PDB file of N, CA and C in Angstrom:
ATOM      1  N   UNK A   1     166.166   6.975  97.769  1.00  0.00           N
ATOM      2  CA  UNK A   1     165.702   5.688  98.257  1.00  0.00           C
ATOM      3  C   UNK A   1     166.908   4.852  98.673  1.00  0.00           C
ATOM      4  N   UNK A   2     166.939   4.355  99.905  1.00  0.00           N
ATOM      5  CA  UNK A   2     168.077   3.536 100.324  1.00  0.00           C
ATOM      6  C   UNK A   2     168.136   2.223  99.554  1.00  0.00           C
ATOM      7  N   UNK A   3     169.327   1.713  99.372  1.00  0.00           N
ATOM      8  CA  UNK A   3     169.479   0.405  98.747  1.00  0.00           C
ATOM      9  C   UNK A   3     170.077  -0.544  99.779  1.00  0.00           C
ATOM     10  N   UNK A   4     169.966  -1.826  99.530  1.00  0.00           N
ATOM     11  CA  UNK A   4     170.384  -2.812 100.514  1.00  0.00           C
ATOM     12  C   UNK A   4     171.617  -3.569 100.074  1.00  0.00           C
ATOM     13  N   UNK A   5     172.493  -3.849 101.030  1.00  0.00           N
ATOM     14  CA  UNK A   5     173.623  -4.754 100.882  1.00  0.00           C
ATOM     15  C   UNK A   5     173.199  -6.077 101.489  1.00  0.00           C
ATOM     16  N   UNK A   6     173.960  -7.111 101.246  1.00  0.00           N
ATOM     17  CA  UNK A   6     173.686  -8.381 101.899  1.00  0.00           C
ATOM     18  C   UNK A   6     173.808  -8.187 103.405  1.00  0.00           C
ATOM     19  N   UNK A   7     172.693  -8.200 104.099  1.00  0.00           N
ATOM     20  CA  UNK A   7     172.693  -8.050 105.552  1.00  0.00           C
ATOM     21  C   UNK A   7     172.827  -6.631 106.045  1.00  0.00           C
ATOM     22  N   UNK A   8     172.723  -5.614 105.180  1.00  0.00           N
ATOM     23  CA  UNK A   8     172.897  -4.243 105.634  1.00  0.00           C
ATOM     24  C   UNK A   8     172.119  -3.247 104.797  1.00  0.00           C
ATOM     25  N   UNK A   9     172.145  -2.028 105.224  1.00  0.00           N
ATOM     26  CA  UNK A   9     171.444  -0.939 104.556  1.00  0.00           C
ATOM     27  C   UNK A   9     172.455   0.118 104.157  1.00  0.00           C
ATOM     28  N   UNK A  10     172.443   0.509 102.884  1.00  0.00           N
ATOM     29  CA  UNK A  10     173.337   1.572 102.427  1.00  0.00           C
ATOM     30  C   UNK A  10     172.586   2.891 102.511  1.00  0.00           C
ATOM     31  N   UNK A  11     173.202   3.880 103.156  1.00  0.00           N
ATOM     32  CA  UNK A  11     172.562   5.166 103.381  1.00  0.00           C
ATOM     33  C   UNK A  11     172.929   6.193 102.319  1.00  0.00           C
ATOM     34  N   UNK A  12     173.881   5.893 101.447  1.00  0.00           N
ATOM     35  CA  UNK A  12     174.323   6.834 100.426  1.00  0.00           C
ATOM     36  C   UNK A  12     173.240   7.121  99.401  1.00  0.00           C
ATOM     37  N   UNK A  13     173.379   8.263  98.716  1.00  0.00           N
ATOM     38  CA  UNK A  13     172.441   8.614  97.661  1.00  0.00           C
ATOM     39  C   UNK A  13     171.189   9.331  98.136  1.00  0.00           C
ATOM     40  N   UNK A  14     171.145   9.696  99.397  1.00  0.00           N
ATOM     41  CA  UNK A  14     169.992  10.419  99.923  1.00  0.00           C
ATOM     42  C   UNK A  14     170.271  11.916  99.892  1.00  0.00           C
ATOM     43  N   UNK A  15     169.258  12.731  99.629  1.00  0.00           N
ATOM     44  CA  UNK A  15     169.467  14.182  99.513  1.00  0.00           C
ATOM     45  C   UNK A  15     169.411  14.911 100.854  1.00  0.00           C
ATOM     46  N   UNK A  16     170.284  14.531 101.781  1.00  0.00           N
ATOM     47  CA  UNK A  16     170.273  15.132 103.103  1.00  0.00           C
ATOM     48  C   UNK A  16     170.951  16.489 103.099  1.00  0.00           C
ATOM     49  N   UNK A  17     170.397  17.401 103.867  1.00  0.00           N
ATOM     50  CA  UNK A  17     170.983  18.720 104.068  1.00  0.00           C
ATOM     51  C   UNK A  17     171.732  18.685 105.399  1.00  0.00           C
ATOM     52  N   UNK A  18     172.991  19.123 105.392  1.00  0.00           N
ATOM     53  CA  UNK A  18     173.798  19.108 106.614  1.00  0.00           C
ATOM     54  C   UNK A  18     173.223  20.106 107.616  1.00  0.00           C
ATOM     55  N   UNK A  19     172.668  19.600 108.684  1.00  0.00           N
ATOM     56  CA  UNK A  19     172.196  20.464 109.765  1.00  0.00           C
ATOM     57  C   UNK A  19     172.254  19.681 111.071  1.00  0.00           C
ATOM     58  N   UNK A  20     171.925  20.346 112.127  1.00  0.00           N
ATOM     59  CA  UNK A  20     172.072  19.761 113.462  1.00  0.00           C
ATOM     60  C   UNK A  20     171.215  18.514 113.678  1.00  0.00           C
ATOM     61  N   UNK A  21     170.152  18.364 112.910  1.00  0.00           N
ATOM     62  CA  UNK A  21     169.291  17.197 113.101  1.00  0.00           C
ATOM     63  C   UNK A  21     169.967  15.897 112.662  1.00  0.00           C
ATOM     64  N   UNK A  22     171.079  15.974 111.923  1.00  0.00           N
ATOM     65  CA  UNK A  22     171.798  14.775 111.478  1.00  0.00           C
ATOM     66  C   UNK A  22     173.030  14.455 112.317  1.00  0.00           C
ATOM     67  N   UNK A  23     173.362  15.308 113.268  1.00  0.00           N
ATOM     68  CA  UNK A  23     174.568  15.096 114.071  1.00  0.00           C
ATOM     69  C   UNK A  23     174.523  13.752 114.787  1.00  0.00           C
ATOM     70  N   UNK A  24     173.364  13.352 115.267  1.00  0.00           N
ATOM     71  CA  UNK A  24     173.259  12.077 115.977  1.00  0.00           C
ATOM     72  C   UNK A  24     173.628  10.910 115.073  1.00  0.00           C
ATOM     73  N   UNK A  25     173.346  11.010 113.768  1.00  0.00           N
ATOM     74  CA  UNK A  25     173.686   9.924 112.839  1.00  0.00           C
ATOM     75  C   UNK A  25     175.206   9.803 112.741  1.00  0.00           C
ATOM     76  N   UNK A  26     175.892  10.943 112.595  1.00  0.00           N
ATOM     77  CA  UNK A  26     177.354  10.914 112.549  1.00  0.00           C
ATOM     78  C   UNK A  26     177.952  10.334 113.817  1.00  0.00           C
ATOM     79  N   UNK A  27     177.408  10.750 114.969  1.00  0.00           N
ATOM     80  CA  UNK A  27     177.876  10.226 116.251  1.00  0.00           C
ATOM     81  C   UNK A  27     177.649   8.721 116.320  1.00  0.00           C
ATOM     82  N   UNK A  28     176.482   8.279 115.909  1.00  0.00           N
ATOM     83  CA  UNK A  28     176.158   6.848 115.955  1.00  0.00           C
ATOM     84  C   UNK A  28     177.086   6.059 115.045  1.00  0.00           C
ATOM     85  N   UNK A  29     177.338   6.552 113.835  1.00  0.00           N
ATOM     86  CA  UNK A  29     178.215   5.843 112.902  1.00  0.00           C
ATOM     87  C   UNK A  29     179.640   5.731 113.448  1.00  0.00           C
ATOM     88  N   UNK A  30     180.145   6.812 114.031  1.00  0.00           N
ATOM     89  CA  UNK A  30     181.492   6.752 114.629  1.00  0.00           C
ATOM     90  C   UNK A  30     181.536   5.725 115.754  1.00  0.00           C
ATOM     91  N   UNK A  31     180.512   5.714 116.613  1.00  0.00           N
ATOM     92  CA  UNK A  31     180.459   4.755 117.715  1.00  0.00           C
ATOM     93  C   UNK A  31     180.345   3.336 117.178  1.00  0.00           C
ATOM     94  N   UNK A  32     179.536   3.136 116.146  1.00  0.00           N
ATOM     95  CA  UNK A  32     179.349   1.814 115.562  1.00  0.00           C
ATOM     96  C   UNK A  32     180.666   1.277 115.014  1.00  0.00           C
ATOM     97  N   UNK A  33     181.432   2.106 114.297  1.00  0.00           N
ATOM     98  CA  UNK A  33     182.727   1.672 113.764  1.00  0.00           C
ATOM     99  C   UNK A  33     183.676   1.328 114.901  1.00  0.00           C
ATOM    100  N   UNK A  34     183.728   2.191 115.933  1.00  0.00           N
ATOM    101  CA  UNK A  34     184.610   1.943 117.084  1.00  0.00           C
ATOM    102  C   UNK A  34     184.232   0.633 117.786  1.00  0.00           C
ATOM    103  N   UNK A  35     182.940   0.421 118.014  1.00  0.00           N
ATOM    104  CA  UNK A  35     182.509  -0.802 118.692  1.00  0.00           C
ATOM    105  C   UNK A  35     182.724  -2.034 117.824  1.00  0.00           C
ATOM    106  N   UNK A  36     182.575  -1.889 116.513  1.00  0.00           N
ATOM    107  CA  UNK A  36     182.845  -3.014 115.612  1.00  0.00           C
ATOM    108  C   UNK A  36     184.301  -3.436 115.714  1.00  0.00           C
ATOM    109  N   UNK A  37     185.202  -2.456 115.798  1.00  0.00           N
ATOM    110  CA  UNK A  37     186.621  -2.769 115.953  1.00  0.00           C
ATOM    111  C   UNK A  37     186.883  -3.501 117.261  1.00  0.00           C
ATOM    112  N   UNK A  38     186.213  -3.057 118.340  1.00  0.00           N
ATOM    113  CA  UNK A  38     186.417  -3.680 119.646  1.00  0.00           C
ATOM    114  C   UNK A  38     185.840  -5.093 119.690  1.00  0.00           C
ATOM    115  N   UNK A  39     184.667  -5.283 119.127  1.00  0.00           N
ATOM    116  CA  UNK A  39     184.007  -6.585 119.181  1.00  0.00           C
ATOM    117  C   UNK A  39     184.676  -7.620 118.285  1.00  0.00           C
ATOM    118  N   UNK A  40     185.081  -7.204 117.094  1.00  0.00           N
ATOM    119  CA  UNK A  40     185.584  -8.156 116.110  1.00  0.00           C
ATOM    120  C   UNK A  40     187.104  -8.157 116.002  1.00  0.00           C
ATOM    121  N   UNK A  41     187.741  -7.220 116.711  1.00  0.00           N
ATOM    122  CA  UNK A  41     189.198  -7.113 116.738  1.00  0.00           C
ATOM    123  C   UNK A  41     189.809  -6.978 115.345  1.00  0.00           C
ATOM    124  N   UNK A  42     189.013  -6.513 114.415  1.00  0.00           N
ATOM    125  CA  UNK A  42     189.516  -6.201 113.078  1.00  0.00           C
ATOM    126  C   UNK A  42     188.625  -5.122 112.487  1.00  0.00           C
ATOM    127  N   UNK A  43     189.146  -4.425 111.526  1.00  0.00           N
ATOM    128  CA  UNK A  43     188.388  -3.347 110.895  1.00  0.00           C
ATOM    129  C   UNK A  43     187.216  -3.930 110.113  1.00  0.00           C
ATOM    130  N   UNK A  44     186.108  -3.178 110.047  1.00  0.00           N
ATOM    131  CA  UNK A  44     185.009  -3.624 109.189  1.00  0.00           C
ATOM    132  C   UNK A  44     185.506  -3.774 107.753  1.00  0.00           C
ATOM    133  N   UNK A  45     184.835  -4.583 106.986  1.00  0.00           N
ATOM    134  CA  UNK A  45     185.227  -4.816 105.600  1.00  0.00           C
ATOM    135  C   UNK A  45     185.286  -3.497 104.838  1.00  0.00           C
ATOM    136  N   UNK A  46     186.203  -3.389 103.859  1.00  0.00           N
ATOM    137  CA  UNK A  46     186.366  -2.131 103.115  1.00  0.00           C
ATOM    138  C   UNK A  46     185.072  -1.611 102.495  1.00  0.00           C
ATOM    139  N   UNK A  47     184.211  -2.493 101.989  1.00  0.00           N
ATOM    140  CA  UNK A  47     182.971  -2.021 101.373  1.00  0.00           C
ATOM    141  C   UNK A  47     182.019  -1.435 102.409  1.00  0.00           C
ATOM    142  N   UNK A  48     182.122  -1.868 103.660  1.00  0.00           N
ATOM    143  CA  UNK A  48     181.302  -1.302 104.720  1.00  0.00           C
ATOM    144  C   UNK A  48     181.773   0.116 105.032  1.00  0.00           C
ATOM    145  N   UNK A  49     183.088   0.292 105.162  1.00  0.00           N
ATOM    146  CA  UNK A  49     183.644   1.628 105.409  1.00  0.00           C
ATOM    147  C   UNK A  49     183.317   2.543 104.236  1.00  0.00           C
ATOM    148  N   UNK A  50     183.425   2.046 103.020  1.00  0.00           N
ATOM    149  CA  UNK A  50     183.089   2.850 101.847  1.00  0.00           C
ATOM    150  C   UNK A  50     181.619   3.264 101.875  1.00  0.00           C
ATOM    151  N   UNK A  51     180.733   2.338 102.240  1.00  0.00           N
ATOM    152  CA  UNK A  51     179.303   2.659 102.321  1.00  0.00           C
ATOM    153  C   UNK A  51     179.045   3.727 103.375  1.00  0.00           C
ATOM    154  N   UNK A  52     179.742   3.640 104.513  1.00  0.00           N
ATOM    155  CA  UNK A  52     179.594   4.653 105.562  1.00  0.00           C
ATOM    156  C   UNK A  52     180.070   6.009 105.035  1.00  0.00           C
ATOM    157  N   UNK A  53     181.182   6.055 104.322  1.00  0.00           N
ATOM    158  CA  UNK A  53     181.724   7.317 103.791  1.00  0.00           C
ATOM    159  C   UNK A  53     180.852   7.894 102.671  1.00  0.00           C
ATOM    160  N   UNK A  54     180.086   7.040 101.976  1.00  0.00           N
ATOM    161  CA  UNK A  54     179.232   7.510 100.880  1.00  0.00           C
ATOM    162  C   UNK A  54     177.917   8.115 101.371  1.00  0.00           C
ATOM    163  N   UNK A  55     177.592   7.914 102.621  1.00  0.00           N
ATOM    164  CA  UNK A  55     176.397   8.539 103.193  1.00  0.00           C
ATOM    165  C   UNK A  55     176.760   9.987 103.503  1.00  0.00           C
ATOM    166  N   UNK A  56     176.360  10.917 102.632  1.00  0.00           N
ATOM    167  CA  UNK A  56     176.768  12.305 102.754  1.00  0.00           C
ATOM    168  C   UNK A  56     175.558  13.231 102.837  1.00  0.00           C
ATOM    169  N   UNK A  57     175.842  14.426 103.314  1.00  0.00           N
ATOM    170  CA  UNK A  57     174.858  15.505 103.286  1.00  0.00           C
ATOM    171  C   UNK A  57     175.506  16.681 102.581  1.00  0.00           C
ATOM    172  N   UNK A  58     174.690  17.643 102.172  1.00  0.00           N
ATOM    173  CA  UNK A  58     175.202  18.827 101.477  1.00  0.00           C
ATOM    174  C   UNK A  58     174.893  20.074 102.284  1.00  0.00           C
ATOM    175  N   UNK A  59     175.874  20.973 102.335  1.00  0.00           N
ATOM    176  CA  UNK A  59     175.662  22.269 102.968  1.00  0.00           C
ATOM    177  C   UNK A  59     174.736  23.070 102.062  1.00  0.00           C
ATOM    178  N   UNK A  60     173.599  23.548 102.576  1.00  0.00           N
ATOM    179  CA  UNK A  60     172.643  24.259 101.723  1.00  0.00           C
ATOM    180  C   UNK A  60     173.195  25.560 101.135  1.00  0.00           C
ATOM    181  N   UNK A  61     174.187  26.164 101.788  1.00  0.00           N
ATOM    182  CA  UNK A  61     174.743  27.429 101.284  1.00  0.00           C
ATOM    183  C   UNK A  61     175.829  27.202 100.237  1.00  0.00           C
ATOM    184  N   UNK A  62     176.727  26.257 100.498  1.00  0.00           N
ATOM    185  CA  UNK A  62     177.891  26.071  99.628  1.00  0.00           C
ATOM    186  C   UNK A  62     177.785  24.833  98.733  1.00  0.00           C
ATOM    187  N   UNK A  63     176.823  23.957  99.022  1.00  0.00           N
ATOM    188  CA  UNK A  63     176.648  22.669  98.340  1.00  0.00           C
ATOM    189  C   UNK A  63     177.827  21.724  98.559  1.00  0.00           C
ATOM    190  N   UNK A  64     178.675  22.039  99.549  1.00  0.00           N
ATOM    191  CA  UNK A  64     179.799  21.160  99.904  1.00  0.00           C
ATOM    192  C   UNK A  64     179.234  19.886 100.521  1.00  0.00           C
ATOM    193  N   UNK A  65     179.737  18.745 100.077  1.00  0.00           N
ATOM    194  CA  UNK A  65     179.270  17.444 100.567  1.00  0.00           C
ATOM    195  C   UNK A  65     180.172  16.978 101.713  1.00  0.00           C
ATOM    196  N   UNK A  66     179.533  16.481 102.770  1.00  0.00           N
ATOM    197  CA  UNK A  66     180.257  16.008 103.949  1.00  0.00           C
ATOM    198  C   UNK A  66     179.727  14.630 104.326  1.00  0.00           C
ATOM    199  N   UNK A  67     180.605  13.649 104.522  1.00  0.00           N
ATOM    200  CA  UNK A  67     180.130  12.348 105.007  1.00  0.00           C
ATOM    201  C   UNK A  67     179.444  12.523 106.371  1.00  0.00           C
ATOM    202  N   UNK A  68     178.328  11.838 106.577  1.00  0.00           N
ATOM    203  CA  UNK A  68     177.603  11.943 107.846  1.00  0.00           C
ATOM    204  C   UNK A  68     178.495  11.564 109.016  1.00  0.00           C
ATOM    205  N   UNK A  69     179.407  10.634 108.815  1.00  0.00           N
ATOM    206  CA  UNK A  69     180.304  10.198 109.884  1.00  0.00           C
ATOM    207  C   UNK A  69     181.232  11.332 110.326  1.00  0.00           C
ATOM    208  N   UNK A  70     181.395  12.354 109.489  1.00  0.00           N
ATOM    209  CA  UNK A  70     182.250  13.492 109.826  1.00  0.00           C
ATOM    210  C   UNK A  70     181.484  14.681 110.406  1.00  0.00           C
ATOM    211  N   UNK A  71     180.170  14.546 110.606  1.00  0.00           N
ATOM    212  CA  UNK A  71     179.391  15.649 111.187  1.00  0.00           C
ATOM    213  C   UNK A  71     179.626  15.727 112.688  1.00  0.00           C
ATOM    214  N   UNK A  72     179.930  16.920 113.160  1.00  0.00           N
ATOM    215  CA  UNK A  72     180.134  17.172 114.582  1.00  0.00           C
ATOM    216  C   UNK A  72     179.341  18.420 114.959  1.00  0.00           C
ATOM    217  N   UNK A  73     178.762  18.465 116.156  1.00  0.00           N
ATOM    218  CA  UNK A  73     177.953  19.627 116.537  1.00  0.00           C
ATOM    219  C   UNK A  73     178.733  20.933 116.509  1.00  0.00           C
ATOM    220  N   UNK A  74     180.010  20.905 116.896  1.00  0.00           N
ATOM    221  CA  UNK A  74     180.782  22.147 116.912  1.00  0.00           C
ATOM    222  C   UNK A  74     181.051  22.664 115.496  1.00  0.00           C
ATOM    223  N   UNK A  75     181.142  21.780 114.517  1.00  0.00           N
ATOM    224  CA  UNK A  75     181.347  22.196 113.132  1.00  0.00           C
ATOM    225  C   UNK A  75     180.124  22.939 112.596  1.00  0.00           C
ATOM    226  N   UNK A  76     178.952  22.488 113.005  1.00  0.00           N
ATOM    227  CA  UNK A  76     177.705  23.088 112.522  1.00  0.00           C
ATOM    228  C   UNK A  76     177.168  24.162 113.456  1.00  0.00           C
ATOM    229  N   UNK A  77     177.890  24.460 114.528  1.00  0.00           N
ATOM    230  CA  UNK A  77     177.439  25.430 115.538  1.00  0.00           C
ATOM    231  C   UNK A  77     176.077  25.051 116.113  1.00  0.00           C
ATOM    232  N   UNK A  78     175.943  23.795 116.469  1.00  0.00           N
ATOM    233  CA  UNK A  78     174.686  23.300 117.027  1.00  0.00           C
ATOM    234  C   UNK A  78     174.592  23.639 118.510  1.00  0.00           C
ATOM    235  N   UNK A  79     173.398  23.911 118.939  1.00  0.00           N
ATOM    236  CA  UNK A  79     173.112  24.162 120.350  1.00  0.00           C
ATOM    237  C   UNK A  79     172.425  22.928 120.913  1.00  0.00           C
ATOM    238  N   UNK A  80     172.477  22.745 122.197  1.00  0.00           N
ATOM    239  CA  UNK A  80     171.905  21.559 122.842  1.00  0.00           C
ATOM    240  C   UNK A  80     170.441  21.357 122.456  1.00  0.00           C
ATOM    241  N   UNK A  81     169.653  22.414 122.347  1.00  0.00           N
ATOM    242  CA  UNK A  81     168.244  22.258 122.014  1.00  0.00           C
ATOM    243  C   UNK A  81     168.066  21.695 120.610  1.00  0.00           C
ATOM    244  N   UNK A  82     168.938  22.061 119.682  1.00  0.00           N
ATOM    245  CA  UNK A  82     168.844  21.532 118.326  1.00  0.00           C
ATOM    246  C   UNK A  82     169.223  20.062 118.284  1.00  0.00           C
ATOM    247  N   UNK A  83     170.157  19.666 119.144  1.00  0.00           N
ATOM    248  CA  UNK A  83     170.592  18.269 119.149  1.00  0.00           C
ATOM    249  C   UNK A  83     169.559  17.355 119.770  1.00  0.00           C
ATOM    250  N   UNK A  84     168.790  17.843 120.727  1.00  0.00           N
ATOM    251  CA  UNK A  84     167.818  16.981 121.394  1.00  0.00           C
ATOM    252  C   UNK A  84     166.443  17.041 120.758  1.00  0.00           C
ATOM    253  N   UNK A  85     166.152  18.038 119.950  1.00  0.00           N
ATOM    254  CA  UNK A  85     164.821  18.165 119.377  1.00  0.00           C
ATOM    255  C   UNK A  85     164.800  18.021 117.876  1.00  0.00           C
ATOM    256  N   UNK A  86     165.705  17.221 117.324  1.00  0.00           N
ATOM    257  CA  UNK A  86     165.777  17.055 115.881  1.00  0.00           C
ATOM    258  C   UNK A  86     164.542  16.388 115.311  1.00  0.00           C
ATOM    259  N   UNK A  87     164.399  16.467 114.005  1.00  0.00           N
ATOM    260  CA  UNK A  87     163.235  15.901 113.348  1.00  0.00           C
ATOM    261  C   UNK A  87     163.269  14.380 113.326  1.00  0.00           C
ATOM    262  N   UNK A  88     164.446  13.779 113.464  1.00  0.00           N
ATOM    263  CA  UNK A  88     164.557  12.325 113.461  1.00  0.00           C
ATOM    264  C   UNK A  88     165.302  11.887 114.714  1.00  0.00           C
ATOM    265  N   UNK A  89     164.585  11.455 115.747  1.00  0.00           N
ATOM    266  CA  UNK A  89     165.262  11.056 116.976  1.00  0.00           C
ATOM    267  C   UNK A  89     166.091   9.804 116.773  1.00  0.00           C
ATOM    268  N   UNK A  90     167.114   9.620 117.598  1.00  0.00           N
ATOM    269  CA  UNK A  90     167.913   8.418 117.472  1.00  0.00           C
ATOM    270  C   UNK A  90     167.057   7.194 117.778  1.00  0.00           C
ATOM    271  N   UNK A  91     167.405   6.064 117.196  1.00  0.00           N
ATOM    272  CA  UNK A  91     166.617   4.864 117.453  1.00  0.00           C
ATOM    273  C   UNK A  91     166.659   4.500 118.933  1.00  0.00           C
ATOM    274  N   UNK A  92     165.545   3.979 119.444  1.00  0.00           N
ATOM    275  CA  UNK A  92     165.498   3.598 120.845  1.00  0.00           C
ATOM    276  C   UNK A  92     166.382   2.383 121.105  1.00  0.00           C
ATOM    277  N   UNK A  93     166.600   1.578 120.089  1.00  0.00           N
ATOM    278  CA  UNK A  93     167.460   0.421 120.209  1.00  0.00           C
ATOM    279  C   UNK A  93     168.560   0.526 119.156  1.00  0.00           C
ATOM    280  N   UNK A  94     169.749   1.046 119.515  1.00  0.00           N
ATOM    281  CA  UNK A  94     170.799   1.223 118.516  1.00  0.00           C
ATOM    282  C   UNK A  94     171.261  -0.083 117.893  1.00  0.00           C
ATOM    283  N   UNK A  95     171.048  -1.216 118.553  1.00  0.00           N
ATOM    284  CA  UNK A  95     171.432  -2.500 117.971  1.00  0.00           C
ATOM    285  C   UNK A  95     170.607  -2.816 116.745  1.00  0.00           C
ATOM    286  N   UNK A  96     169.372  -2.319 116.672  1.00  0.00           N
ATOM    287  CA  UNK A  96     168.546  -2.546 115.492  1.00  0.00           C
ATOM    288  C   UNK A  96     169.187  -1.898 114.272  1.00  0.00           C
ATOM    289  N   UNK A  97     169.696  -0.681 114.410  1.00  0.00           N
ATOM    290  CA  UNK A  97     170.358  -0.010 113.306  1.00  0.00           C
ATOM    291  C   UNK A  97     171.681  -0.698 112.992  1.00  0.00           C
ATOM    292  N   UNK A  98     172.367  -1.198 114.002  1.00  0.00           N
ATOM    293  CA  UNK A  98     173.617  -1.920 113.799  1.00  0.00           C
ATOM    294  C   UNK A  98     173.382  -3.129 112.904  1.00  0.00           C
ATOM    295  N   UNK A  99     172.308  -3.852 113.149  1.00  0.00           N
ATOM    296  CA  UNK A  99     172.003  -5.029 112.341  1.00  0.00           C
ATOM    297  C   UNK A  99     171.755  -4.610 110.899  1.00  0.00           C
ATOM    298  N   UNK A 100     171.111  -3.473 110.692  1.00  0.00           N
ATOM    299  CA  UNK A 100     170.861  -3.005 109.335  1.00  0.00           C
ATOM    300  C   UNK A 100     172.138  -2.625 108.608  1.00  0.00           C
ATOM    301  N   UNK A 101     173.117  -2.108 109.332  1.00  0.00           N
ATOM    302  CA  UNK A 101     174.337  -1.625 108.699  1.00  0.00           C
ATOM    303  C   UNK A 101     175.458  -2.652 108.670  1.00  0.00           C
ATOM    304  N   UNK A 102     175.350  -3.718 109.410  1.00  0.00           N
ATOM    305  CA  UNK A 102     176.412  -4.696 109.526  1.00  0.00           C
ATOM    306  C   UNK A 102     176.188  -5.856 108.556  1.00  0.00           C
ATOM    307  N   UNK A 103     177.151  -6.125 107.680  1.00  0.00           N
ATOM    308  CA  UNK A 103     177.017  -7.305 106.831  1.00  0.00           C
ATOM    309  C   UNK A 103     176.913  -8.565 107.676  1.00  0.00           C
ATOM    310  N   UNK A 104     176.154  -9.491 107.215  1.00  0.00           N
ATOM    311  CA  UNK A 104     175.930 -10.733 107.950  1.00  0.00           C
ATOM    312  C   UNK A 104     177.239 -11.425 108.309  1.00  0.00           C
ATOM    313  N   UNK A 105     178.249 -11.320 107.452  1.00  0.00           N
ATOM    314  CA  UNK A 105     179.530 -11.971 107.722  1.00  0.00           C
ATOM    315  C   UNK A 105     180.186 -11.451 108.985  1.00  0.00           C
ATOM    316  N   UNK A 106     179.934 -10.196 109.349  1.00  0.00           N
ATOM    317  CA  UNK A 106     180.532  -9.647 110.562  1.00  0.00           C
ATOM    318  C   UNK A 106     179.789 -10.095 111.809  1.00  0.00           C
ATOM    319  N   UNK A 107     178.551 -10.514 111.659  1.00  0.00           N
ATOM    320  CA  UNK A 107     177.765 -10.929 112.809  1.00  0.00           C
ATOM    321  C   UNK A 107     178.052 -12.356 113.225  1.00  0.00           C
ATOM    322  N   UNK A 108     178.629 -13.136 112.334  1.00  0.00           N
ATOM    323  CA  UNK A 108     178.901 -14.553 112.604  1.00  0.00           C
ATOM    324  C   UNK A 108     180.397 -14.715 112.837  1.00  0.00           C
ATOM    325  N   UNK A 109     180.760 -15.293 113.948  1.00  0.00           N
ATOM    326  CA  UNK A 109     182.195 -15.553 114.222  1.00  0.00           C
ATOM    327  C   UNK A 109     182.575 -16.910 113.728  1.00  0.00           C
TER     328      UNK A 109
END
């Protein structure tokens, strides 16, 4: 069950299995961090980066845990069909997810 931060959603503690259906989440998180740096001209707060790193999945064969932000299609040997037909499509409005993950303090200049 996800827990909430002030103005954000923590994704850690979920029993995700590392597979191609989660690659879009890793891509989105990397883009979100990069865009946060560009928009705010400073790194996101340490607890935000920690929360992003705590969102992990486990390899079903080895039980190795990998942060979702570190998932890449080439690491998992994903094919284009697996990336586009995953069980959880990317949000139609990525800003909605940004608001969930961004502490309110980062949204106010």
